[in-house]
Amino acid sequence: MRNLEQEKEKIFIVVKIIEYVPNSVLSTTIIKKTTGNVTVSSFDTGESWTEKISPFDTFIQVIDGKAEVVINDHSHLLDTGESIIIPAHSRNMIKANVRFKMLSTVIKSGYDEVSI
C-alpha cells in the first residue's frame, strides 16, 4: 500500500488516483491520521481481500465498477456510487467479481465518549 497523502488544498479526481493492474489489488492512502484514514483501492476481476475483523467501523463507497462486500457471511453487492458501513468487530471480506475501485474510510475516534 502506498502511503502518499494527497496534497492539501489541491483539487483531484479520486477515481483517477489509482489504476487497475492485472491480477492485483492496489491501495493508496489519501489521508492518514491517528484518528482514522481514507484509502482508495482498485481490485482486478477475481481478486479479493482476505477475511478480517477490524476494531473500527469502516465506510466503503464504490467509485467505479461493482463490488461484493461480505459481512458476517451476508453478501452485499454494491454498484458505482453505492456505499455500506462495515460494523466494528464484524468478520468481513471484499471481492471483485468484476473489477472495481472503492474508497474506504476508517474513523478511530468516538469509542470512549462519555454521556453527560
Protein backbone atom coordinates (compact mmCIF):
# COMPACT_ATOMS: atom_id res chain seq x y z
CA MET A 1 0.00 0.00 0.00
CA ARG A 2 1.33 3.42 -0.91
CA ASN A 3 1.17 5.92 1.93
CA LEU A 4 1.34 9.14 -0.04
CA GLU A 5 -1.18 11.66 1.17
CA GLN A 6 -2.78 13.90 -1.41
CA GLU A 7 -1.61 17.49 -1.45
CA LYS A 8 -3.89 19.64 0.68
CA GLU A 9 -5.89 22.45 -0.94
CA LYS A 10 -5.39 20.86 -4.37
CA ILE A 11 -8.31 19.52 -6.41
CA PHE A 12 -8.05 15.90 -7.51
CA ILE A 13 -10.31 13.23 -9.00
CA VAL A 14 -10.40 10.25 -6.65
CA VAL A 15 -11.14 7.61 -9.29
CA LYS A 16 -8.02 8.71 -11.22
CA ILE A 17 -5.62 8.42 -8.25
CA ILE A 18 -5.25 4.68 -8.75
CA GLU A 19 -5.19 2.47 -11.85
CA TYR A 20 -6.21 -1.12 -12.44
CA VAL A 21 -3.35 -3.62 -12.59
CA PRO A 22 -4.00 -7.15 -13.91
CA ASN A 23 -4.28 -9.81 -11.18
CA SER A 24 -3.78 -7.25 -8.41
CA VAL A 25 -5.29 -5.24 -5.61
CA LEU A 26 -3.72 -1.79 -5.21
CA SER A 27 -4.28 0.68 -2.37
CA THR A 28 -3.15 4.25 -1.83
CA THR A 29 -3.70 6.27 1.32
CA ILE A 30 -5.30 9.64 0.63
CA ILE A 31 -5.06 10.88 4.22
CA LYS A 32 -3.85 9.15 7.37
CA LYS A 33 -4.25 10.45 10.91
CA THR A 34 -4.20 8.85 14.36
CA THR A 35 -8.00 9.19 14.43
CA GLY A 36 -8.57 7.43 11.10
CA ASN A 37 -7.70 7.21 7.44
CA VAL A 38 -9.10 7.38 3.91
CA THR A 39 -7.80 4.93 1.31
CA VAL A 40 -8.58 4.38 -2.37
CA SER A 41 -8.21 0.84 -3.74
CA SER A 42 -8.54 -0.92 -7.08
CA PHE A 43 -9.36 -4.62 -7.45
CA ASP A 44 -8.92 -6.55 -10.68
CA THR A 45 -11.54 -9.18 -11.57
CA GLY A 46 -11.26 -12.26 -9.36
CA GLU A 47 -9.16 -10.56 -6.67
CA SER A 48 -10.19 -10.09 -3.03
CA TRP A 49 -9.09 -9.06 0.44
CA THR A 50 -8.97 -11.99 2.81
CA GLU A 51 -11.48 -12.11 5.62
CA LYS A 52 -10.59 -9.86 8.53
CA ILE A 53 -12.06 -8.21 11.62
CA SER A 54 -11.48 -4.50 12.30
CA PRO A 55 -11.95 -2.91 15.72
CA PHE A 56 -13.48 0.14 14.00
CA ASP A 57 -16.45 0.91 11.73
CA THR A 58 -15.38 1.11 8.08
CA PHE A 59 -17.28 3.11 5.45
CA ILE A 60 -16.97 1.64 1.93
CA GLN A 61 -18.00 3.55 -1.21
CA VAL A 62 -17.70 2.02 -4.68
CA ILE A 63 -16.42 4.70 -7.08
CA ASP A 64 -16.09 2.53 -10.22
CA GLY A 65 -17.45 -0.89 -11.15
CA LYS A 66 -19.18 -3.33 -8.79
CA ALA A 67 -18.02 -4.86 -5.51
CA GLU A 68 -19.13 -7.71 -3.29
CA VAL A 69 -18.80 -6.95 0.42
CA VAL A 70 -19.36 -9.92 2.74
CA ILE A 71 -20.17 -9.04 6.36
CA ASN A 72 -20.64 -11.91 8.82
CA ASP A 73 -21.39 -14.31 5.91
CA HIS A 74 -24.01 -11.95 4.37
CA SER A 75 -23.17 -10.86 0.82
CA HIS A 76 -23.88 -7.29 -0.32
CA LEU A 77 -23.49 -6.30 -3.99
CA LEU A 78 -22.61 -2.63 -4.47
CA ASP A 79 -22.70 -0.70 -7.75
CA THR A 80 -20.85 2.51 -8.55
CA GLY A 81 -22.00 5.23 -6.15
CA GLU A 82 -23.32 2.83 -3.52
CA SER A 83 -21.93 2.57 0.00
CA ILE A 84 -22.06 0.38 3.08
CA ILE A 85 -20.75 0.59 6.64
CA ILE A 86 -18.93 -2.48 7.92
CA PRO A 87 -19.60 -2.54 11.68
CA ALA A 88 -16.68 -2.75 14.08
CA HIS A 89 -15.77 -6.30 15.20
CA SER A 90 -17.57 -7.90 12.21
CA ARG A 91 -15.99 -10.56 10.01
CA ASN A 92 -15.71 -9.07 6.53
CA MET A 93 -14.25 -9.70 3.11
CA ILE A 94 -14.25 -7.67 -0.11
CA LYS A 95 -14.38 -9.43 -3.50
CA ALA A 96 -14.12 -8.36 -7.13
CA ASN A 97 -16.45 -10.44 -9.28
CA VAL A 98 -15.72 -7.68 -11.83
CA ARG A 99 -13.03 -5.04 -11.42
CA PHE A 100 -13.84 -2.06 -9.23
CA LYS A 101 -12.44 0.89 -7.28
CA MET A 102 -13.51 1.95 -3.82
CA LEU A 103 -12.90 4.46 -1.07
CA SER A 104 -12.64 3.16 2.47
CA THR A 105 -12.85 5.45 5.48
CA VAL A 106 -11.99 4.29 8.98
CA ILE A 107 -12.84 6.54 11.93
CA LYS A 108 -10.96 5.56 15.08
CA SER A 109 -12.34 8.18 17.49
CA GLY A 110 -15.62 8.30 19.36
CA TYR A 111 -15.48 4.93 21.10
CA ASP A 112 -14.64 6.37 24.50
CA GLU A 113 -17.34 9.04 24.60
CA VAL A 114 -18.91 9.67 27.99
CA SER A 115 -22.60 10.54 28.34
CA ILE A 116 -23.32 13.73 30.25
